[in-house]
Amino acid sequence: MQDFGQRMRFLVFSIFLNSAANALTISTNLGSAVWTGSSVNLANWIHVPLGTTLFGYGIVVTIMNQLFLGHFDRKRFVSNILYIIPFSYLVEWIGYFWNWIGVNSLNLTGRVIVDIIGLFGVAVAVSIYQRCNIIMHPNDDLAYILRFRFLKGSAIIAQWTSYIPPVAIIVLSYIFTGQLHAIGFGTILALVAQGAVMGWSDVHMFPRLKHHVDV
């Protein structure tokens, strides 16, 4: 069992990894993880900066999590808010860095490779901070609640189920704008494989870090 200090160090690492990996997939413009892709399209639809859109999106999902829990969990509510404050704006700012060093100008093969690396990083980061379970992004907390409260611990089924809201946002964004951003090869890969990579990461990435389940 890890002490709280160890879990905090893993948490900080996972926040930066998650932010950098999500920003990397956006920079490639070949498709981001489903929640990230939906946020990019929502930002384009409502003409609000990505960081602010991610933050507002997170607040809405935080409220959804409380509904799925069936009671008001103040600790979880505060936890979700504390996560989205740094994460939302780190994604936007780190994205500027990736573009500055030329990720968005790589050839197609290079961007495909980088996109896959980014998606892998996202799944690993989510696995790490879900196991820490100190604070958690509300989008991933949704999958976590579904996984352990309703779906008998299945990472794959929980991930698929949690994708219903972002997929709906992507569809609505396209209907109202006629455009799609950060949706493509990487999004399909995330839909198919992110839950499986998370399950793999639970076992193989920092295996001594165990789930601290509280749902």
N, C-alpha and C. Protein backbone atom coordinates (compact mmCIF):
# COMPACT_ATOMS: atom_id res chain seq x y z
N MET A 1 0.85 -1.20 0.00
CA MET A 1 0.00 0.00 0.00
C MET A 1 0.88 1.25 0.00
N GLN A 2 0.65 2.13 -0.93
CA GLN A 2 1.47 3.33 -1.02
C GLN A 2 1.04 4.35 0.04
N ASP A 3 2.03 5.10 0.57
CA ASP A 3 1.64 6.17 1.47
C ASP A 3 1.13 7.35 0.64
N PHE A 4 0.55 8.32 1.32
CA PHE A 4 -0.09 9.43 0.63
C PHE A 4 0.91 10.24 -0.19
N GLY A 5 2.14 10.40 0.34
CA GLY A 5 3.16 11.17 -0.37
C GLY A 5 3.52 10.54 -1.71
N GLN A 6 3.65 9.23 -1.73
CA GLN A 6 3.95 8.54 -2.99
C GLN A 6 2.83 8.71 -3.99
N ARG A 7 1.60 8.58 -3.52
CA ARG A 7 0.45 8.74 -4.41
C ARG A 7 0.40 10.17 -4.96
N MET A 8 0.75 11.16 -4.13
CA MET A 8 0.75 12.55 -4.61
C MET A 8 1.79 12.75 -5.70
N ARG A 9 2.95 12.14 -5.56
CA ARG A 9 3.98 12.28 -6.58
C ARG A 9 3.52 11.65 -7.90
N PHE A 10 2.92 10.48 -7.80
CA PHE A 10 2.36 9.85 -9.00
C PHE A 10 1.28 10.74 -9.61
N LEU A 11 0.47 11.36 -8.77
CA LEU A 11 -0.61 12.22 -9.26
C LEU A 11 -0.07 13.40 -10.05
N VAL A 12 0.91 14.10 -9.49
CA VAL A 12 1.48 15.27 -10.17
C VAL A 12 2.08 14.85 -11.50
N PHE A 13 2.81 13.74 -11.50
CA PHE A 13 3.38 13.23 -12.75
C PHE A 13 2.29 12.94 -13.77
N SER A 14 1.20 12.32 -13.33
CA SER A 14 0.14 11.94 -14.26
C SER A 14 -0.59 13.15 -14.83
N ILE A 15 -0.74 14.22 -14.04
CA ILE A 15 -1.40 15.43 -14.54
C ILE A 15 -0.59 16.04 -15.69
N PHE A 16 0.73 16.14 -15.50
CA PHE A 16 1.56 16.69 -16.57
C PHE A 16 1.61 15.75 -17.77
N LEU A 17 1.68 14.45 -17.53
CA LEU A 17 1.69 13.49 -18.63
C LEU A 17 0.38 13.56 -19.40
N ASN A 18 -0.73 13.62 -18.71
CA ASN A 18 -2.04 13.67 -19.36
C ASN A 18 -2.20 14.95 -20.17
N SER A 19 -1.79 16.06 -19.61
CA SER A 19 -1.90 17.34 -20.31
C SER A 19 -1.02 17.36 -21.56
N ALA A 20 0.24 16.93 -21.40
CA ALA A 20 1.17 16.95 -22.52
C ALA A 20 0.74 15.99 -23.62
N ALA A 21 0.26 14.81 -23.23
CA ALA A 21 -0.14 13.81 -24.22
C ALA A 21 -1.39 14.25 -24.97
N ASN A 22 -2.35 14.81 -24.26
CA ASN A 22 -3.55 15.32 -24.94
C ASN A 22 -3.20 16.45 -25.89
N ALA A 23 -2.35 17.38 -25.44
CA ALA A 23 -1.94 18.49 -26.30
C ALA A 23 -1.19 17.98 -27.52
N LEU A 24 -0.40 16.92 -27.36
CA LEU A 24 0.34 16.34 -28.46
C LEU A 24 -0.60 15.81 -29.54
N THR A 25 -1.66 15.12 -29.12
CA THR A 25 -2.60 14.58 -30.11
C THR A 25 -3.34 15.71 -30.83
N ILE A 26 -3.64 16.79 -30.12
CA ILE A 26 -4.30 17.93 -30.77
C ILE A 26 -3.37 18.53 -31.82
N SER A 27 -2.09 18.66 -31.47
CA SER A 27 -1.13 19.28 -32.37
C SER A 27 -0.96 18.49 -33.67
N THR A 28 -1.07 17.17 -33.60
CA THR A 28 -0.92 16.37 -34.82
C THR A 28 -2.10 16.55 -35.77
N ASN A 29 -3.27 16.93 -35.22
CA ASN A 29 -4.51 17.08 -35.99
C ASN A 29 -4.88 15.81 -36.74
N LEU A 30 -4.53 14.66 -36.15
CA LEU A 30 -4.91 13.38 -36.74
C LEU A 30 -5.93 12.63 -35.88
N GLY A 31 -6.39 13.28 -34.83
CA GLY A 31 -7.38 12.65 -33.99
C GLY A 31 -6.90 12.52 -32.56
N SER A 32 -7.70 13.05 -31.65
CA SER A 32 -7.37 13.02 -30.23
C SER A 32 -8.25 12.00 -29.52
N ALA A 33 -7.93 11.75 -28.26
CA ALA A 33 -8.82 10.95 -27.42
C ALA A 33 -10.22 11.56 -27.47
N VAL A 34 -11.22 10.75 -27.26
CA VAL A 34 -12.60 11.16 -27.56
C VAL A 34 -13.01 12.40 -26.78
N TRP A 35 -12.75 12.43 -25.48
CA TRP A 35 -13.14 13.60 -24.69
C TRP A 35 -12.40 14.85 -25.18
N THR A 36 -11.12 14.72 -25.47
CA THR A 36 -10.34 15.87 -25.93
C THR A 36 -10.84 16.36 -27.28
N GLY A 37 -11.08 15.42 -28.20
CA GLY A 37 -11.60 15.80 -29.50
C GLY A 37 -12.93 16.52 -29.41
N SER A 38 -13.79 16.05 -28.52
CA SER A 38 -15.09 16.70 -28.36
C SER A 38 -14.92 18.11 -27.80
N SER A 39 -13.94 18.30 -26.90
CA SER A 39 -13.70 19.63 -26.34
C SER A 39 -13.20 20.60 -27.40
N VAL A 40 -12.30 20.12 -28.27
CA VAL A 40 -11.79 20.97 -29.35
C VAL A 40 -12.93 21.41 -30.26
N ASN A 41 -13.82 20.48 -30.60
CA ASN A 41 -14.95 20.81 -31.47
C ASN A 41 -15.96 21.72 -30.77
N LEU A 42 -16.17 21.50 -29.48
CA LEU A 42 -17.06 22.37 -28.72
C LEU A 42 -16.50 23.79 -28.67
N ALA A 43 -15.19 23.91 -28.45
CA ALA A 43 -14.56 25.23 -28.41
C ALA A 43 -14.72 25.95 -29.74
N ASN A 44 -14.57 25.20 -30.84
CA ASN A 44 -14.75 25.79 -32.17
C ASN A 44 -16.21 26.20 -32.40
N TRP A 45 -17.13 25.40 -31.90
CA TRP A 45 -18.56 25.65 -32.08
C TRP A 45 -19.00 26.91 -31.33
N ILE A 46 -18.58 27.03 -30.06
CA ILE A 46 -19.07 28.14 -29.23
C ILE A 46 -18.10 29.32 -29.20
N HIS A 47 -16.96 29.19 -29.91
CA HIS A 47 -15.97 30.28 -30.03
C HIS A 47 -15.46 30.74 -28.67
N VAL A 48 -15.00 29.76 -27.89
CA VAL A 48 -14.42 30.01 -26.57
C VAL A 48 -13.04 29.35 -26.56
N PRO A 49 -12.01 29.97 -25.93
CA PRO A 49 -10.68 29.35 -25.89
C PRO A 49 -10.73 27.92 -25.34
N LEU A 50 -9.83 27.08 -25.83
CA LEU A 50 -9.87 25.66 -25.47
C LEU A 50 -9.76 25.44 -23.97
N GLY A 51 -8.85 26.16 -23.31
CA GLY A 51 -8.69 25.97 -21.87
C GLY A 51 -9.98 26.25 -21.11
N THR A 52 -10.65 27.33 -21.46
CA THR A 52 -11.90 27.70 -20.81
C THR A 52 -12.99 26.68 -21.12
N THR A 53 -13.02 26.20 -22.36
CA THR A 53 -14.00 25.18 -22.74
C THR A 53 -13.78 23.89 -21.95
N LEU A 54 -12.53 23.47 -21.83
CA LEU A 54 -12.22 22.27 -21.06
C LEU A 54 -12.65 22.42 -19.61
N PHE A 55 -12.44 23.61 -19.06
CA PHE A 55 -12.82 23.86 -17.67
C PHE A 55 -14.34 23.80 -17.49
N GLY A 56 -15.08 24.49 -18.37
CA GLY A 56 -16.53 24.47 -18.27
C GLY A 56 -17.12 23.08 -18.50
N TYR A 57 -16.56 22.39 -19.47
CA TYR A 57 -16.95 21.01 -19.76
C TYR A 57 -16.77 20.15 -18.52
N GLY A 58 -15.63 20.34 -17.85
CA GLY A 58 -15.34 19.56 -16.65
C GLY A 58 -16.34 19.80 -15.54
N ILE A 59 -16.80 21.03 -15.39
CA ILE A 59 -17.79 21.33 -14.35
C ILE A 59 -19.09 20.58 -14.62
N VAL A 60 -19.52 20.56 -15.88
CA VAL A 60 -20.75 19.84 -16.24
C VAL A 60 -20.61 18.35 -15.91
N VAL A 61 -19.47 17.76 -16.26
CA VAL A 61 -19.28 16.33 -16.01
C VAL A 61 -19.16 16.06 -14.52
N THR A 62 -18.58 17.00 -13.77
CA THR A 62 -18.52 16.87 -12.31
C THR A 62 -19.92 16.70 -11.72
N ILE A 63 -20.86 17.47 -12.22
CA ILE A 63 -22.25 17.37 -11.74
C ILE A 63 -22.85 16.02 -12.14
N MET A 64 -22.55 15.56 -13.35
CA MET A 64 -23.01 14.24 -13.78
C MET A 64 -22.50 13.15 -12.84
N ASN A 65 -21.26 13.26 -12.42
CA ASN A 65 -20.69 12.25 -11.53
C ASN A 65 -21.45 12.16 -10.22
N GLN A 66 -21.85 13.32 -9.70
CA GLN A 66 -22.62 13.31 -8.46
C GLN A 66 -23.95 12.60 -8.65
N LEU A 67 -24.55 12.78 -9.81
CA LEU A 67 -25.82 12.11 -10.09
C LEU A 67 -25.65 10.61 -10.16
N PHE A 68 -24.56 10.15 -10.78
CA PHE A 68 -24.31 8.70 -10.88
C PHE A 68 -23.97 8.09 -9.53
N LEU A 69 -23.34 8.87 -8.66
CA LEU A 69 -23.04 8.36 -7.32
C LEU A 69 -24.32 8.19 -6.50
N GLY A 70 -25.33 8.99 -6.81
CA GLY A 70 -26.60 8.89 -6.10
C GLY A 70 -26.65 9.68 -4.82
N HIS A 71 -25.59 10.41 -4.52
CA HIS A 71 -25.57 11.27 -3.34
C HIS A 71 -24.48 12.31 -3.55
N PHE A 72 -24.53 13.39 -2.78
CA PHE A 72 -23.52 14.43 -2.93
C PHE A 72 -22.26 14.03 -2.18
N ASP A 73 -21.19 13.89 -2.90
CA ASP A 73 -19.89 13.54 -2.33
C ASP A 73 -19.01 14.79 -2.42
N ARG A 74 -18.93 15.53 -1.33
CA ARG A 74 -18.20 16.80 -1.35
C ARG A 74 -16.73 16.62 -1.70
N LYS A 75 -16.10 15.57 -1.15
CA LYS A 75 -14.70 15.33 -1.44
C LYS A 75 -14.49 15.09 -2.93
N ARG A 76 -15.35 14.30 -3.53
CA ARG A 76 -15.21 13.99 -4.96
C ARG A 76 -15.49 15.23 -5.80
N PHE A 77 -16.48 16.02 -5.41
CA PHE A 77 -16.81 17.24 -6.14
C PHE A 77 -15.60 18.18 -6.16
N VAL A 78 -15.02 18.43 -4.99
CA VAL A 78 -13.85 19.31 -4.90
C VAL A 78 -12.68 18.71 -5.66
N SER A 79 -12.52 17.38 -5.56
CA SER A 79 -11.44 16.69 -6.27
C SER A 79 -11.51 16.94 -7.76
N ASN A 80 -12.70 16.78 -8.34
CA ASN A 80 -12.87 16.98 -9.78
C ASN A 80 -12.53 18.41 -10.19
N ILE A 81 -12.98 19.38 -9.40
CA ILE A 81 -12.71 20.78 -9.71
C ILE A 81 -11.21 21.07 -9.62
N LEU A 82 -10.55 20.54 -8.58
CA LEU A 82 -9.12 20.77 -8.41
C LEU A 82 -8.31 20.20 -9.56
N TYR A 83 -8.78 19.11 -10.16
CA TYR A 83 -8.05 18.53 -11.28
C TYR A 83 -8.19 19.37 -12.54
N ILE A 84 -9.39 19.82 -12.83
CA ILE A 84 -9.59 20.48 -14.12
C ILE A 84 -8.98 21.88 -14.17
N ILE A 85 -8.72 22.50 -13.02
CA ILE A 85 -8.12 23.83 -13.05
C ILE A 85 -6.74 23.81 -13.70
N PRO A 86 -5.78 22.99 -13.21
CA PRO A 86 -4.48 22.98 -13.91
C PRO A 86 -4.54 22.27 -15.27
N PHE A 87 -5.27 21.16 -15.34
CA PHE A 87 -5.27 20.36 -16.56
C PHE A 87 -5.79 21.16 -17.75
N SER A 88 -6.90 21.84 -17.59
CA SER A 88 -7.55 22.52 -18.71
C SER A 88 -6.61 23.50 -19.39
N TYR A 89 -5.91 24.29 -18.59
CA TYR A 89 -5.06 25.33 -19.17
C TYR A 89 -3.68 24.79 -19.56
N LEU A 90 -3.22 23.73 -18.89
CA LEU A 90 -1.97 23.10 -19.31
C LEU A 90 -2.10 22.53 -20.72
N VAL A 91 -3.25 21.91 -21.02
CA VAL A 91 -3.45 21.37 -22.37
C VAL A 91 -3.31 22.48 -23.41
N GLU A 92 -3.94 23.62 -23.16
CA GLU A 92 -3.87 24.73 -24.11
C GLU A 92 -2.45 25.25 -24.24
N TRP A 93 -1.78 25.49 -23.11
CA TRP A 93 -0.45 26.09 -23.14
C TRP A 93 0.60 25.14 -23.70
N ILE A 94 0.55 23.86 -23.30
CA ILE A 94 1.52 22.90 -23.83
C ILE A 94 1.28 22.69 -25.33
N GLY A 95 0.04 22.80 -25.76
CA GLY A 95 -0.26 22.72 -27.18
C GLY A 95 0.48 23.79 -27.98
N TYR A 96 0.56 25.01 -27.42
CA TYR A 96 1.33 26.06 -28.10
C TYR A 96 2.79 25.64 -28.23
N PHE A 97 3.33 24.98 -27.20
CA PHE A 97 4.73 24.53 -27.23
C PHE A 97 4.94 23.48 -28.32
N TRP A 98 4.05 22.48 -28.38
CA TRP A 98 4.20 21.45 -29.42
C TRP A 98 4.16 22.07 -30.81
N ASN A 99 3.28 23.03 -31.02
CA ASN A 99 3.22 23.69 -32.33
C ASN A 99 4.49 24.51 -32.58
N TRP A 100 5.01 25.12 -31.54
CA TRP A 100 6.21 25.95 -31.67
C TRP A 100 7.41 25.12 -32.11
N ILE A 101 7.52 23.88 -31.61
CA ILE A 101 8.66 23.03 -31.99
C ILE A 101 8.39 22.28 -33.29
N GLY A 102 7.19 22.44 -33.85
CA GLY A 102 6.94 21.93 -35.19
C GLY A 102 6.22 20.60 -35.30
N VAL A 103 5.58 20.15 -34.23
CA VAL A 103 4.85 18.88 -34.31
C VAL A 103 3.78 18.94 -35.40
N ASN A 104 3.08 20.06 -35.48
CA ASN A 104 2.01 20.18 -36.46
C ASN A 104 2.52 20.28 -37.90
N SER A 105 3.85 20.41 -38.07
CA SER A 105 4.42 20.51 -39.42
C SER A 105 5.12 19.23 -39.86
N LEU A 106 5.09 18.20 -39.03
CA LEU A 106 5.70 16.93 -39.41
C LEU A 106 4.97 16.32 -40.60
N ASN A 107 5.65 15.44 -41.33
CA ASN A 107 4.97 14.74 -42.41
C ASN A 107 3.95 13.76 -41.84
N LEU A 108 3.17 13.17 -42.70
CA LEU A 108 2.06 12.33 -42.24
C LEU A 108 2.55 11.17 -41.38
N THR A 109 3.61 10.50 -41.81
CA THR A 109 4.12 9.36 -41.04
C THR A 109 4.56 9.80 -39.64
N GLY A 110 5.26 10.92 -39.58
CA GLY A 110 5.71 11.43 -38.29
C GLY A 110 4.54 11.77 -37.38
N ARG A 111 3.52 12.40 -37.94
CA ARG A 111 2.37 12.77 -37.11
C ARG A 111 1.58 11.55 -36.65
N VAL A 112 1.51 10.52 -37.49
CA VAL A 112 0.83 9.28 -37.08
C VAL A 112 1.56 8.68 -35.88
N ILE A 113 2.88 8.60 -35.96
CA ILE A 113 3.66 8.03 -34.86
C ILE A 113 3.48 8.85 -33.60
N VAL A 114 3.57 10.16 -33.72
CA VAL A 114 3.44 11.05 -32.56
C VAL A 114 2.03 10.95 -31.97
N ASP A 115 1.03 10.84 -32.84
CA ASP A 115 -0.35 10.73 -32.37
C ASP A 115 -0.53 9.45 -31.54
N ILE A 116 0.03 8.35 -32.02
CA ILE A 116 -0.06 7.09 -31.29
C ILE A 116 0.63 7.21 -29.93
N ILE A 117 1.80 7.85 -29.93
CA ILE A 117 2.52 8.06 -28.66
C ILE A 117 1.66 8.88 -27.70
N GLY A 118 1.03 9.94 -28.22
CA GLY A 118 0.19 10.78 -27.38
C GLY A 118 -0.99 10.02 -26.80
N LEU A 119 -1.65 9.22 -27.62
CA LEU A 119 -2.80 8.45 -27.15
C LEU A 119 -2.39 7.42 -26.10
N PHE A 120 -1.23 6.79 -26.31
CA PHE A 120 -0.71 5.85 -25.32
C PHE A 120 -0.44 6.59 -24.01
N GLY A 121 0.16 7.78 -24.10
CA GLY A 121 0.44 8.56 -22.90
C GLY A 121 -0.81 8.94 -22.14
N VAL A 122 -1.88 9.28 -22.86
CA VAL A 122 -3.15 9.61 -22.21
C VAL A 122 -3.66 8.42 -21.41
N ALA A 123 -3.68 7.24 -22.02
CA ALA A 123 -4.20 6.05 -21.35
C ALA A 123 -3.37 5.70 -20.12
N VAL A 124 -2.05 5.81 -20.23
CA VAL A 124 -1.18 5.52 -19.09
C VAL A 124 -1.42 6.52 -17.97
N ALA A 125 -1.54 7.81 -18.31
CA ALA A 125 -1.77 8.84 -17.30
C ALA A 125 -3.08 8.61 -16.56
N VAL A 126 -4.12 8.26 -17.30
CA VAL A 126 -5.42 8.01 -16.67
C VAL A 126 -5.33 6.82 -15.72
N SER A 127 -4.66 5.76 -16.15
CA SER A 127 -4.48 4.60 -15.29
C SER A 127 -3.77 4.98 -13.99
N ILE A 128 -2.74 5.82 -14.10
CA ILE A 128 -1.97 6.18 -12.92
C ILE A 128 -2.81 6.96 -11.93
N TYR A 129 -3.49 8.03 -12.40
CA TYR A 129 -4.20 8.83 -11.41
C TYR A 129 -5.52 8.21 -10.97
N GLN A 130 -6.07 7.29 -11.75
CA GLN A 130 -7.22 6.54 -11.25
C GLN A 130 -6.79 5.64 -10.09
N ARG A 131 -5.61 5.06 -10.20
CA ARG A 131 -5.12 4.22 -9.11
C ARG A 131 -4.77 5.06 -7.88
N CYS A 132 -4.22 6.25 -8.09
CA CYS A 132 -3.93 7.14 -6.96
C CYS A 132 -5.22 7.53 -6.25
N ASN A 133 -6.25 7.89 -7.05
CA ASN A 133 -7.57 8.26 -6.54
C ASN A 133 -7.48 9.31 -5.43
N ILE A 134 -6.73 10.37 -5.68
CA ILE A 134 -6.69 11.51 -4.76
C ILE A 134 -7.56 12.62 -5.33
N ILE A 135 -7.17 13.13 -6.48
CA ILE A 135 -8.06 13.96 -7.29
C ILE A 135 -8.06 13.36 -8.68
N MET A 136 -9.13 13.59 -9.42
CA MET A 136 -9.27 12.94 -10.71
C MET A 136 -10.05 13.84 -11.67
N HIS A 137 -9.65 13.80 -12.94
CA HIS A 137 -10.41 14.55 -13.93
C HIS A 137 -11.84 14.02 -13.96
N PRO A 138 -12.83 14.90 -13.96
CA PRO A 138 -14.22 14.42 -13.92
C PRO A 138 -14.58 13.50 -15.08
N ASN A 139 -13.99 13.72 -16.27
CA ASN A 139 -14.29 12.83 -17.39
C ASN A 139 -13.87 11.40 -17.09
N ASP A 140 -12.68 11.25 -16.53
CA ASP A 140 -12.18 9.92 -16.21
C ASP A 140 -12.80 9.38 -14.92
N ASP A 141 -13.16 10.28 -14.03
CA ASP A 141 -13.87 9.85 -12.83
C ASP A 141 -15.22 9.25 -13.20
N LEU A 142 -15.83 9.78 -14.25
CA LEU A 142 -17.08 9.20 -14.74
C LEU A 142 -16.87 7.74 -15.11
N ALA A 143 -15.82 7.47 -15.89
CA ALA A 143 -15.52 6.08 -16.27
C ALA A 143 -15.19 5.24 -15.05
N TYR A 144 -14.51 5.85 -14.08
CA TYR A 144 -14.12 5.15 -12.85
C TYR A 144 -15.36 4.76 -12.05
N ILE A 145 -16.30 5.70 -11.91
CA ILE A 145 -17.54 5.41 -11.18
C ILE A 145 -18.32 4.31 -11.89
N LEU A 146 -18.46 4.43 -13.20
CA LEU A 146 -19.17 3.41 -13.97
C LEU A 146 -18.48 2.04 -13.83
N ARG A 147 -17.15 2.07 -13.88
CA ARG A 147 -16.37 0.82 -13.84
C ARG A 147 -16.59 0.05 -12.55
N PHE A 148 -16.50 0.74 -11.42
CA PHE A 148 -16.53 0.02 -10.14
C PHE A 148 -17.90 0.03 -9.46
N ARG A 149 -18.78 0.93 -9.86
CA ARG A 149 -20.12 0.95 -9.25
C ARG A 149 -21.14 0.13 -10.04
N PHE A 150 -20.97 0.10 -11.38
CA PHE A 150 -21.99 -0.52 -12.21
C PHE A 150 -21.49 -1.66 -13.10
N LEU A 151 -20.19 -1.68 -13.43
CA LEU A 151 -19.72 -2.57 -14.50
C LEU A 151 -18.69 -3.60 -14.03
N LYS A 152 -18.69 -3.92 -12.76
CA LYS A 152 -17.90 -5.03 -12.20
C LYS A 152 -16.41 -4.92 -12.52
N GLY A 153 -15.89 -3.68 -12.55
CA GLY A 153 -14.47 -3.47 -12.70
C GLY A 153 -13.93 -3.51 -14.11
N SER A 154 -14.79 -3.58 -15.12
CA SER A 154 -14.32 -3.68 -16.51
C SER A 154 -13.90 -2.32 -17.04
N ALA A 155 -12.58 -2.15 -17.28
CA ALA A 155 -12.08 -0.88 -17.80
C ALA A 155 -12.58 -0.62 -19.22
N ILE A 156 -12.66 -1.67 -20.03
CA ILE A 156 -13.04 -1.50 -21.44
C ILE A 156 -14.50 -1.07 -21.57
N ILE A 157 -15.42 -1.78 -20.89
CA ILE A 157 -16.84 -1.45 -20.99
C ILE A 157 -17.11 -0.07 -20.38
N ALA A 158 -16.46 0.23 -19.27
CA ALA A 158 -16.65 1.54 -18.63
C ALA A 158 -16.21 2.66 -19.55
N GLN A 159 -15.06 2.47 -20.23
CA GLN A 159 -14.56 3.50 -21.13
C GLN A 159 -15.53 3.73 -22.29
N TRP A 160 -16.03 2.66 -22.87
CA TRP A 160 -16.99 2.79 -23.97
C TRP A 160 -18.26 3.50 -23.50
N THR A 161 -18.76 3.14 -22.34
CA THR A 161 -19.99 3.74 -21.83
C THR A 161 -19.80 5.23 -21.57
N SER A 162 -18.64 5.59 -21.02
CA SER A 162 -18.39 7.00 -20.70
C SER A 162 -18.21 7.86 -21.95
N TYR A 163 -18.02 7.23 -23.11
CA TYR A 163 -17.84 7.99 -24.34
C TYR A 163 -19.15 8.51 -24.93
N ILE A 164 -20.28 8.11 -24.39
CA ILE A 164 -21.56 8.54 -24.97
C ILE A 164 -21.69 10.07 -24.99
N PRO A 165 -21.43 10.80 -23.87
CA PRO A 165 -21.56 12.27 -23.92
C PRO A 165 -20.62 12.94 -24.91
N PRO A 166 -19.30 12.63 -24.92
CA PRO A 166 -18.44 13.33 -25.89
C PRO A 166 -18.77 13.02 -27.34
N VAL A 167 -19.18 11.79 -27.63
CA VAL A 167 -19.56 11.47 -29.01
C VAL A 167 -20.78 12.30 -29.42
N ALA A 168 -21.72 12.48 -28.49
CA ALA A 168 -22.89 13.31 -28.78
C ALA A 168 -22.48 14.75 -29.07
N ILE A 169 -21.51 15.28 -28.31
CA ILE A 169 -21.01 16.64 -28.54
C ILE A 169 -20.35 16.75 -29.91
N ILE A 170 -19.57 15.75 -30.28
CA ILE A 170 -18.91 15.76 -31.59
C ILE A 170 -19.94 15.80 -32.71
N VAL A 171 -20.98 14.97 -32.60
CA VAL A 171 -22.02 14.93 -33.63
C VAL A 171 -22.75 16.27 -33.72
N LEU A 172 -23.11 16.83 -32.57
CA LEU A 172 -23.83 18.11 -32.56
C LEU A 172 -22.95 19.23 -33.11
N SER A 173 -21.67 19.22 -32.76
CA SER A 173 -20.75 20.24 -33.26
C SER A 173 -20.68 20.20 -34.78
N TYR A 174 -20.61 18.99 -35.32
CA TYR A 174 -20.55 18.86 -36.77
C TYR A 174 -21.84 19.33 -37.43
N ILE A 175 -22.98 18.99 -36.82
CA ILE A 175 -24.27 19.41 -37.37
C ILE A 175 -24.36 20.93 -37.44
N PHE A 176 -23.89 21.60 -36.38
CA PHE A 176 -24.06 23.05 -36.31
C PHE A 176 -22.95 23.85 -36.98
N THR A 177 -21.78 23.24 -37.18
CA THR A 177 -20.67 23.99 -37.79
C THR A 177 -20.25 23.44 -39.15
N GLY A 178 -20.57 22.18 -39.42
CA GLY A 178 -20.12 21.56 -40.65
C GLY A 178 -18.64 21.26 -40.67
N GLN A 179 -17.99 21.32 -39.50
CA GLN A 179 -16.54 21.09 -39.41
C GLN A 179 -16.24 20.08 -38.31
N LEU A 180 -15.13 19.38 -38.48
CA LEU A 180 -14.61 18.49 -37.44
C LEU A 180 -13.15 18.82 -37.21
N HIS A 181 -12.75 18.93 -35.95
CA HIS A 181 -11.37 19.20 -35.58
C HIS A 181 -10.92 18.13 -34.58
N ALA A 182 -9.63 17.75 -34.70
CA ALA A 182 -9.02 16.77 -33.78
C ALA A 182 -9.77 15.45 -33.76
N ILE A 183 -10.44 15.14 -34.86
CA ILE A 183 -11.17 13.87 -34.99
C ILE A 183 -10.62 13.15 -36.21
N GLY A 184 -10.26 11.88 -36.06
CA GLY A 184 -9.73 11.13 -37.19
C GLY A 184 -9.18 9.80 -36.74
N PHE A 185 -8.05 9.43 -37.33
CA PHE A 185 -7.42 8.15 -37.03
C PHE A 185 -7.25 7.93 -35.54
N GLY A 186 -6.72 8.94 -34.85
CA GLY A 186 -6.44 8.81 -33.42
C GLY A 186 -7.70 8.61 -32.59
N THR A 187 -8.79 9.25 -33.01
CA THR A 187 -10.04 9.11 -32.28
C THR A 187 -10.56 7.68 -32.36
N ILE A 188 -10.48 7.11 -33.56
CA ILE A 188 -10.91 5.72 -33.74
C ILE A 188 -10.04 4.79 -32.91
N LEU A 189 -8.73 5.05 -32.93
CA LEU A 189 -7.82 4.23 -32.13
C LEU A 189 -8.14 4.32 -30.64
N ALA A 190 -8.45 5.54 -30.18
CA ALA A 190 -8.80 5.71 -28.77
C ALA A 190 -10.10 4.98 -28.43
N LEU A 191 -11.08 5.09 -29.32
CA LEU A 191 -12.35 4.39 -29.09
C LEU A 191 -12.14 2.88 -28.95
N VAL A 192 -11.28 2.35 -29.79
CA VAL A 192 -11.07 0.90 -29.82
C VAL A 192 -10.16 0.43 -28.70
N ALA A 193 -9.11 1.21 -28.42
CA ALA A 193 -8.01 0.66 -27.62
C ALA A 193 -7.74 1.33 -26.28
N GLN A 194 -8.29 2.52 -26.01
CA GLN A 194 -7.86 3.21 -24.80
C GLN A 194 -8.18 2.44 -23.53
N GLY A 195 -9.37 1.84 -23.46
CA GLY A 195 -9.72 1.06 -22.28
C GLY A 195 -8.78 -0.11 -22.09
N ALA A 196 -8.42 -0.77 -23.20
CA ALA A 196 -7.52 -1.91 -23.12
C ALA A 196 -6.13 -1.47 -22.67
N VAL A 197 -5.65 -0.33 -23.18
CA VAL A 197 -4.33 0.17 -22.77
C VAL A 197 -4.35 0.55 -21.30
N MET A 198 -5.44 1.12 -20.84
CA MET A 198 -5.56 1.43 -19.41
C MET A 198 -5.48 0.15 -18.57
N GLY A 199 -6.20 -0.88 -19.00
CA GLY A 199 -6.15 -2.15 -18.27
C GLY A 199 -4.74 -2.73 -18.27
N TRP A 200 -4.05 -2.64 -19.42
CA TRP A 200 -2.67 -3.10 -19.51
C TRP A 200 -1.78 -2.28 -18.58
N SER A 201 -1.98 -0.96 -18.58
CA SER A 201 -1.17 -0.08 -17.76
C SER A 201 -1.37 -0.36 -16.27
N ASP A 202 -2.60 -0.69 -15.87
CA ASP A 202 -2.86 -1.03 -14.47
C ASP A 202 -1.91 -2.13 -13.98
N VAL A 203 -1.61 -3.05 -14.89
CA VAL A 203 -0.80 -4.23 -14.53
C VAL A 203 0.69 -3.98 -14.73
N HIS A 204 1.06 -3.25 -15.79
CA HIS A 204 2.46 -3.20 -16.22
C HIS A 204 3.16 -1.87 -15.96
N MET A 205 2.45 -0.78 -15.82
CA MET A 205 3.07 0.53 -15.57
C MET A 205 2.96 0.85 -14.08
N PHE A 206 4.10 0.88 -13.42
CA PHE A 206 4.14 1.07 -11.97
C PHE A 206 3.18 0.07 -11.28
N PRO A 207 3.41 -1.22 -11.43
CA PRO A 207 2.46 -2.24 -10.95
C PRO A 207 2.26 -2.21 -9.43
N ARG A 208 3.18 -1.63 -8.68
CA ARG A 208 3.00 -1.59 -7.23
C ARG A 208 1.96 -0.53 -6.83
N LEU A 209 1.61 0.35 -7.77
CA LEU A 209 0.56 1.34 -7.50
C LEU A 209 -0.79 0.68 -7.71
N LYS A 210 -1.53 0.46 -6.65
CA LYS A 210 -2.79 -0.28 -6.72
C LYS A 210 -3.98 0.67 -6.67
N HIS A 211 -5.13 0.20 -7.12
CA HIS A 211 -6.35 0.99 -7.06
C HIS A 211 -6.78 1.23 -5.60
N HIS A 212 -7.15 2.49 -5.34
CA HIS A 212 -7.71 2.85 -4.04
C HIS A 212 -9.20 3.15 -4.27
N VAL A 213 -10.00 2.09 -4.28
CA VAL A 213 -11.41 2.20 -4.69
C VAL A 213 -12.25 2.79 -3.57
N ASP A 214 -13.12 3.77 -3.94
CA ASP A 214 -13.98 4.37 -2.92
C ASP A 214 -15.37 4.66 -3.45
N VAL A 215 -15.88 3.80 -4.34
CA VAL A 215 -17.23 4.00 -4.88
C VAL A 215 -18.10 2.84 -4.44
